[in-house]
Amino acid sequence: MNLYARELADTLVVEVGADRIDAACAIQFKDAMRELAGRAGTRVLIDMSRVRFLDSSGLGAVVAVMKLLGPDRRLELAGLTPAVDKVFRLTRMDSVFLIHPDLPAGLREAG
């Protein structure tokens, strides 16, 4: 599972470099996020703009990351593709996560 992370102010921005988060890679995703979550930052934002498919295992992995962060750190999502957005809406997880249409301007990579 390719995850690319950078820290900007109090935010850890993690870009998912895969087109799927499913049963085949959900554990890898969760383990990689656990390692990255050890970094500083009160806010973690996952850029999911490359993810075209998310199944229940992938959704469970995203929820596990939120729980791993605990109550003092926020997990936000950005750039959900239509199919992934539909999973979040159908499961009502769109009411649990703050979801941005794309990366907020101040968090985009410069140049």
N, C-alpha and C. Protein backbone atom coordinates (compact mmCIF):
# COMPACT_ATOMS: atom_id res chain seq x y z
N MET A 1 0.86 -1.18 0.00
CA MET A 1 0.00 0.00 0.00
C MET A 1 0.90 1.23 0.00
N ASN A 2 0.79 2.04 -1.04
CA ASN A 2 1.59 3.25 -1.14
C ASN A 2 0.84 4.42 -0.52
N LEU A 3 1.40 4.95 0.55
CA LEU A 3 0.88 6.15 1.20
C LEU A 3 2.00 7.17 1.22
N TYR A 4 1.67 8.39 0.86
CA TYR A 4 2.65 9.47 0.83
C TYR A 4 2.21 10.52 1.82
N ALA A 5 3.08 10.83 2.79
CA ALA A 5 2.70 11.75 3.86
C ALA A 5 3.59 12.98 3.88
N ARG A 6 2.98 14.08 4.27
CA ARG A 6 3.73 15.32 4.51
C ARG A 6 3.04 16.08 5.63
N GLU A 7 3.82 16.81 6.37
CA GLU A 7 3.28 17.58 7.49
C GLU A 7 3.23 19.05 7.12
N LEU A 8 2.08 19.66 7.35
CA LEU A 8 1.89 21.08 7.10
C LEU A 8 1.20 21.66 8.32
N ALA A 9 1.92 22.52 9.02
CA ALA A 9 1.43 23.11 10.28
C ALA A 9 1.03 21.98 11.23
N ASP A 10 -0.21 21.96 11.67
CA ASP A 10 -0.66 20.93 12.62
C ASP A 10 -1.37 19.78 11.92
N THR A 11 -1.20 19.67 10.59
CA THR A 11 -1.92 18.67 9.81
C THR A 11 -0.96 17.69 9.14
N LEU A 12 -1.25 16.42 9.28
CA LEU A 12 -0.55 15.37 8.54
C LEU A 12 -1.43 15.03 7.35
N VAL A 13 -0.93 15.31 6.15
CA VAL A 13 -1.66 15.01 4.92
C VAL A 13 -1.12 13.70 4.36
N VAL A 14 -2.01 12.73 4.18
CA VAL A 14 -1.62 11.41 3.66
C VAL A 14 -2.34 11.19 2.34
N GLU A 15 -1.58 10.99 1.29
CA GLU A 15 -2.15 10.71 -0.03
C GLU A 15 -2.11 9.20 -0.26
N VAL A 16 -3.25 8.63 -0.59
CA VAL A 16 -3.33 7.21 -0.91
C VAL A 16 -2.92 7.06 -2.37
N GLY A 17 -1.88 6.27 -2.61
CA GLY A 17 -1.37 6.10 -3.96
C GLY A 17 -1.90 4.86 -4.66
N ALA A 18 -2.99 4.31 -4.16
CA ALA A 18 -3.58 3.10 -4.75
C ALA A 18 -4.98 3.41 -5.24
N ASP A 19 -5.48 2.59 -6.16
CA ASP A 19 -6.83 2.84 -6.68
C ASP A 19 -7.89 2.05 -5.93
N ARG A 20 -7.47 1.21 -4.96
CA ARG A 20 -8.42 0.40 -4.20
C ARG A 20 -7.99 0.32 -2.74
N ILE A 21 -8.98 0.34 -1.86
CA ILE A 21 -8.77 -0.06 -0.47
C ILE A 21 -9.83 -1.12 -0.24
N ASP A 22 -9.40 -2.39 -0.27
CA ASP A 22 -10.34 -3.50 -0.19
C ASP A 22 -9.78 -4.58 0.72
N ALA A 23 -10.44 -5.72 0.75
CA ALA A 23 -10.04 -6.81 1.65
C ALA A 23 -8.60 -7.25 1.43
N ALA A 24 -8.11 -7.12 0.20
CA ALA A 24 -6.75 -7.56 -0.11
C ALA A 24 -5.68 -6.65 0.50
N CYS A 25 -6.00 -5.41 0.76
CA CYS A 25 -4.98 -4.47 1.25
C CYS A 25 -5.40 -3.68 2.48
N ALA A 26 -6.57 -3.96 3.04
CA ALA A 26 -7.06 -3.17 4.18
C ALA A 26 -6.11 -3.24 5.38
N ILE A 27 -5.56 -4.41 5.65
CA ILE A 27 -4.64 -4.55 6.79
C ILE A 27 -3.36 -3.76 6.54
N GLN A 28 -2.85 -3.80 5.31
CA GLN A 28 -1.67 -3.01 4.95
C GLN A 28 -1.94 -1.52 5.13
N PHE A 29 -3.10 -1.09 4.68
CA PHE A 29 -3.49 0.32 4.82
C PHE A 29 -3.50 0.71 6.29
N LYS A 30 -4.16 -0.09 7.10
CA LYS A 30 -4.29 0.20 8.53
C LYS A 30 -2.91 0.22 9.20
N ASP A 31 -2.06 -0.75 8.89
CA ASP A 31 -0.71 -0.80 9.48
C ASP A 31 0.13 0.41 9.06
N ALA A 32 0.06 0.76 7.78
CA ALA A 32 0.82 1.92 7.29
C ALA A 32 0.32 3.21 7.95
N MET A 33 -0.99 3.33 8.09
CA MET A 33 -1.54 4.52 8.74
C MET A 33 -1.17 4.57 10.22
N ARG A 34 -1.11 3.42 10.87
CA ARG A 34 -0.71 3.37 12.28
C ARG A 34 0.71 3.93 12.43
N GLU A 35 1.59 3.54 11.52
CA GLU A 35 2.96 4.02 11.56
C GLU A 35 3.02 5.54 11.31
N LEU A 36 2.28 6.00 10.32
CA LEU A 36 2.27 7.44 10.00
C LEU A 36 1.62 8.26 11.11
N ALA A 37 0.62 7.70 11.76
CA ALA A 37 -0.13 8.44 12.79
C ALA A 37 0.74 8.79 13.99
N GLY A 38 1.88 8.13 14.11
CA GLY A 38 2.79 8.44 15.21
C GLY A 38 3.45 9.80 15.05
N ARG A 39 3.35 10.38 13.88
CA ARG A 39 3.93 11.70 13.64
C ARG A 39 3.11 12.77 14.36
N ALA A 40 3.71 13.94 14.45
CA ALA A 40 3.03 15.07 15.09
C ALA A 40 1.81 15.48 14.26
N GLY A 41 0.98 16.28 14.86
CA GLY A 41 -0.20 16.80 14.16
C GLY A 41 -1.47 16.42 14.87
N THR A 42 -2.31 17.40 15.07
CA THR A 42 -3.58 17.13 15.74
C THR A 42 -4.65 16.75 14.73
N ARG A 43 -4.34 16.95 13.47
CA ARG A 43 -5.30 16.71 12.40
C ARG A 43 -4.64 15.81 11.36
N VAL A 44 -5.35 14.78 10.92
CA VAL A 44 -4.86 13.89 9.86
C VAL A 44 -5.88 13.96 8.74
N LEU A 45 -5.40 14.27 7.55
CA LEU A 45 -6.27 14.39 6.39
C LEU A 45 -5.82 13.39 5.34
N ILE A 46 -6.70 12.49 4.95
CA ILE A 46 -6.37 11.49 3.94
C ILE A 46 -6.94 11.93 2.60
N ASP A 47 -6.03 12.10 1.63
CA ASP A 47 -6.42 12.44 0.26
C ASP A 47 -6.71 11.13 -0.46
N MET A 48 -7.98 10.89 -0.75
CA MET A 48 -8.40 9.64 -1.37
C MET A 48 -8.77 9.83 -2.85
N SER A 49 -8.24 10.87 -3.47
CA SER A 49 -8.65 11.19 -4.84
C SER A 49 -8.25 10.13 -5.87
N ARG A 50 -7.30 9.27 -5.55
CA ARG A 50 -6.91 8.19 -6.48
C ARG A 50 -7.69 6.90 -6.24
N VAL A 51 -8.40 6.82 -5.13
CA VAL A 51 -9.10 5.59 -4.76
C VAL A 51 -10.41 5.50 -5.55
N ARG A 52 -10.53 4.48 -6.37
CA ARG A 52 -11.72 4.29 -7.20
C ARG A 52 -12.68 3.26 -6.60
N PHE A 53 -12.17 2.43 -5.67
CA PHE A 53 -13.00 1.36 -5.10
C PHE A 53 -12.68 1.21 -3.62
N LEU A 54 -13.73 1.11 -2.82
CA LEU A 54 -13.61 0.91 -1.38
C LEU A 54 -14.70 -0.08 -0.98
N ASP A 55 -14.30 -1.22 -0.39
CA ASP A 55 -15.30 -2.17 0.06
C ASP A 55 -15.46 -2.06 1.58
N SER A 56 -16.23 -2.97 2.17
CA SER A 56 -16.48 -2.89 3.62
C SER A 56 -15.21 -3.05 4.44
N SER A 57 -14.28 -3.85 3.96
CA SER A 57 -13.00 -3.99 4.67
C SER A 57 -12.21 -2.69 4.63
N GLY A 58 -12.23 -2.04 3.48
CA GLY A 58 -11.56 -0.74 3.36
C GLY A 58 -12.19 0.31 4.24
N LEU A 59 -13.52 0.32 4.26
CA LEU A 59 -14.24 1.26 5.12
C LEU A 59 -13.90 0.98 6.59
N GLY A 60 -13.86 -0.30 6.94
CA GLY A 60 -13.50 -0.67 8.31
C GLY A 60 -12.10 -0.22 8.67
N ALA A 61 -11.18 -0.27 7.71
CA ALA A 61 -9.82 0.18 7.95
C ALA A 61 -9.77 1.69 8.20
N VAL A 62 -10.54 2.44 7.43
CA VAL A 62 -10.59 3.90 7.62
C VAL A 62 -11.16 4.22 9.01
N VAL A 63 -12.21 3.52 9.40
CA VAL A 63 -12.80 3.72 10.73
C VAL A 63 -11.79 3.33 11.82
N ALA A 64 -11.04 2.25 11.60
CA ALA A 64 -10.02 1.84 12.58
C ALA A 64 -8.95 2.91 12.76
N VAL A 65 -8.59 3.58 11.68
CA VAL A 65 -7.61 4.67 11.77
C VAL A 65 -8.18 5.80 12.61
N MET A 66 -9.45 6.13 12.40
CA MET A 66 -10.08 7.18 13.20
C MET A 66 -10.03 6.81 14.69
N LYS A 67 -10.34 5.57 15.01
CA LYS A 67 -10.31 5.12 16.41
C LYS A 67 -8.89 5.14 16.96
N LEU A 68 -7.93 4.77 16.13
CA LEU A 68 -6.53 4.78 16.53
C LEU A 68 -6.07 6.18 16.93
N LEU A 69 -6.55 7.18 16.23
CA LEU A 69 -6.16 8.56 16.53
C LEU A 69 -6.71 9.03 17.87
N GLY A 70 -7.79 8.45 18.31
CA GLY A 70 -8.38 8.83 19.59
C GLY A 70 -9.19 10.11 19.50
N PRO A 71 -9.73 10.54 20.63
CA PRO A 71 -10.63 11.69 20.64
C PRO A 71 -9.95 13.05 20.48
N ASP A 72 -8.63 13.10 20.67
CA ASP A 72 -7.94 14.38 20.62
C ASP A 72 -7.37 14.72 19.24
N ARG A 73 -7.46 13.77 18.31
CA ARG A 73 -6.96 14.01 16.96
C ARG A 73 -8.08 13.74 15.96
N ARG A 74 -8.18 14.61 14.97
CA ARG A 74 -9.26 14.48 13.97
C ARG A 74 -8.76 13.77 12.73
N LEU A 75 -9.62 12.93 12.15
CA LEU A 75 -9.37 12.33 10.86
C LEU A 75 -10.36 12.92 9.88
N GLU A 76 -9.83 13.52 8.82
CA GLU A 76 -10.66 14.09 7.77
C GLU A 76 -10.31 13.42 6.46
N LEU A 77 -11.24 13.46 5.52
CA LEU A 77 -11.05 12.83 4.22
C LEU A 77 -11.23 13.88 3.13
N ALA A 78 -10.54 13.69 2.02
CA ALA A 78 -10.67 14.63 0.91
C ALA A 78 -10.63 13.88 -0.41
N GLY A 79 -11.31 14.44 -1.40
CA GLY A 79 -11.24 13.97 -2.77
C GLY A 79 -11.89 12.63 -3.03
N LEU A 80 -12.98 12.34 -2.37
CA LEU A 80 -13.65 11.06 -2.59
C LEU A 80 -14.20 10.99 -4.01
N THR A 81 -13.87 9.92 -4.70
CA THR A 81 -14.42 9.69 -6.04
C THR A 81 -15.89 9.30 -5.89
N PRO A 82 -16.68 9.38 -6.95
CA PRO A 82 -18.11 9.09 -6.81
C PRO A 82 -18.43 7.73 -6.19
N ALA A 83 -17.73 6.68 -6.59
CA ALA A 83 -18.02 5.35 -6.04
C ALA A 83 -17.69 5.28 -4.55
N VAL A 84 -16.58 5.89 -4.15
CA VAL A 84 -16.18 5.88 -2.74
C VAL A 84 -17.12 6.76 -1.92
N ASP A 85 -17.48 7.90 -2.47
CA ASP A 85 -18.43 8.79 -1.80
C ASP A 85 -19.75 8.07 -1.55
N LYS A 86 -20.17 7.28 -2.52
CA LYS A 86 -21.43 6.54 -2.39
C LYS A 86 -21.38 5.56 -1.22
N VAL A 87 -20.24 4.89 -1.03
CA VAL A 87 -20.09 3.98 0.10
C VAL A 87 -20.24 4.74 1.42
N PHE A 88 -19.61 5.89 1.51
CA PHE A 88 -19.71 6.69 2.75
C PHE A 88 -21.14 7.18 2.98
N ARG A 89 -21.84 7.57 1.91
CA ARG A 89 -23.22 8.02 2.07
C ARG A 89 -24.16 6.88 2.44
N LEU A 90 -24.04 5.74 1.75
CA LEU A 90 -24.94 4.61 2.01
C LEU A 90 -24.78 4.05 3.43
N THR A 91 -23.58 4.13 3.96
CA THR A 91 -23.33 3.63 5.31
C THR A 91 -23.48 4.73 6.37
N ARG A 92 -23.83 5.91 5.90
CA ARG A 92 -23.98 7.09 6.75
C ARG A 92 -22.70 7.51 7.45
N MET A 93 -21.59 7.04 6.95
CA MET A 93 -20.30 7.44 7.52
C MET A 93 -19.93 8.86 7.10
N ASP A 94 -20.67 9.41 6.14
CA ASP A 94 -20.44 10.80 5.77
C ASP A 94 -20.84 11.75 6.90
N SER A 95 -21.60 11.23 7.87
CA SER A 95 -21.96 12.06 9.03
C SER A 95 -20.94 11.90 10.17
N VAL A 96 -20.05 10.94 10.03
CA VAL A 96 -19.03 10.69 11.05
C VAL A 96 -17.74 11.44 10.71
N PHE A 97 -17.39 11.50 9.45
CA PHE A 97 -16.15 12.13 9.00
C PHE A 97 -16.43 13.51 8.40
N LEU A 98 -15.48 14.42 8.57
CA LEU A 98 -15.50 15.67 7.83
C LEU A 98 -14.89 15.34 6.47
N ILE A 99 -15.68 15.54 5.42
CA ILE A 99 -15.25 15.18 4.07
C ILE A 99 -15.16 16.44 3.22
N HIS A 100 -13.97 16.69 2.67
CA HIS A 100 -13.73 17.84 1.80
C HIS A 100 -13.83 17.37 0.34
N PRO A 101 -14.40 18.20 -0.54
CA PRO A 101 -14.48 17.82 -1.95
C PRO A 101 -13.10 17.54 -2.55
N ASP A 102 -12.11 18.33 -2.14
CA ASP A 102 -10.72 18.11 -2.54
C ASP A 102 -9.83 18.67 -1.43
N LEU A 103 -8.55 18.59 -1.61
CA LEU A 103 -7.65 19.11 -0.55
C LEU A 103 -7.87 20.60 -0.37
N PRO A 104 -8.04 21.06 0.85
CA PRO A 104 -8.15 22.49 1.10
C PRO A 104 -6.91 23.21 0.53
N ALA A 105 -7.11 24.41 0.00
CA ALA A 105 -6.05 25.15 -0.70
C ALA A 105 -4.76 25.25 0.10
N GLY A 106 -4.84 25.48 1.38
CA GLY A 106 -3.64 25.63 2.19
C GLY A 106 -2.88 24.33 2.40
N LEU A 107 -3.45 23.22 1.99
CA LEU A 107 -2.81 21.91 2.19
C LEU A 107 -2.35 21.27 0.90
N ARG A 108 -2.52 21.96 -0.22
CA ARG A 108 -2.04 21.42 -1.49
C ARG A 108 -0.54 21.63 -1.57
N GLU A 109 0.10 20.71 -2.25
CA GLU A 109 1.55 20.81 -2.39
C GLU A 109 1.89 22.02 -3.26
N ALA A 110 2.89 22.76 -2.80
CA ALA A 110 3.32 23.94 -3.56
C ALA A 110 4.11 23.52 -4.80
N GLY A 111 3.85 24.26 -5.88
CA GLY A 111 4.59 24.16 -7.11
C GLY A 111 4.79 22.84 -7.63
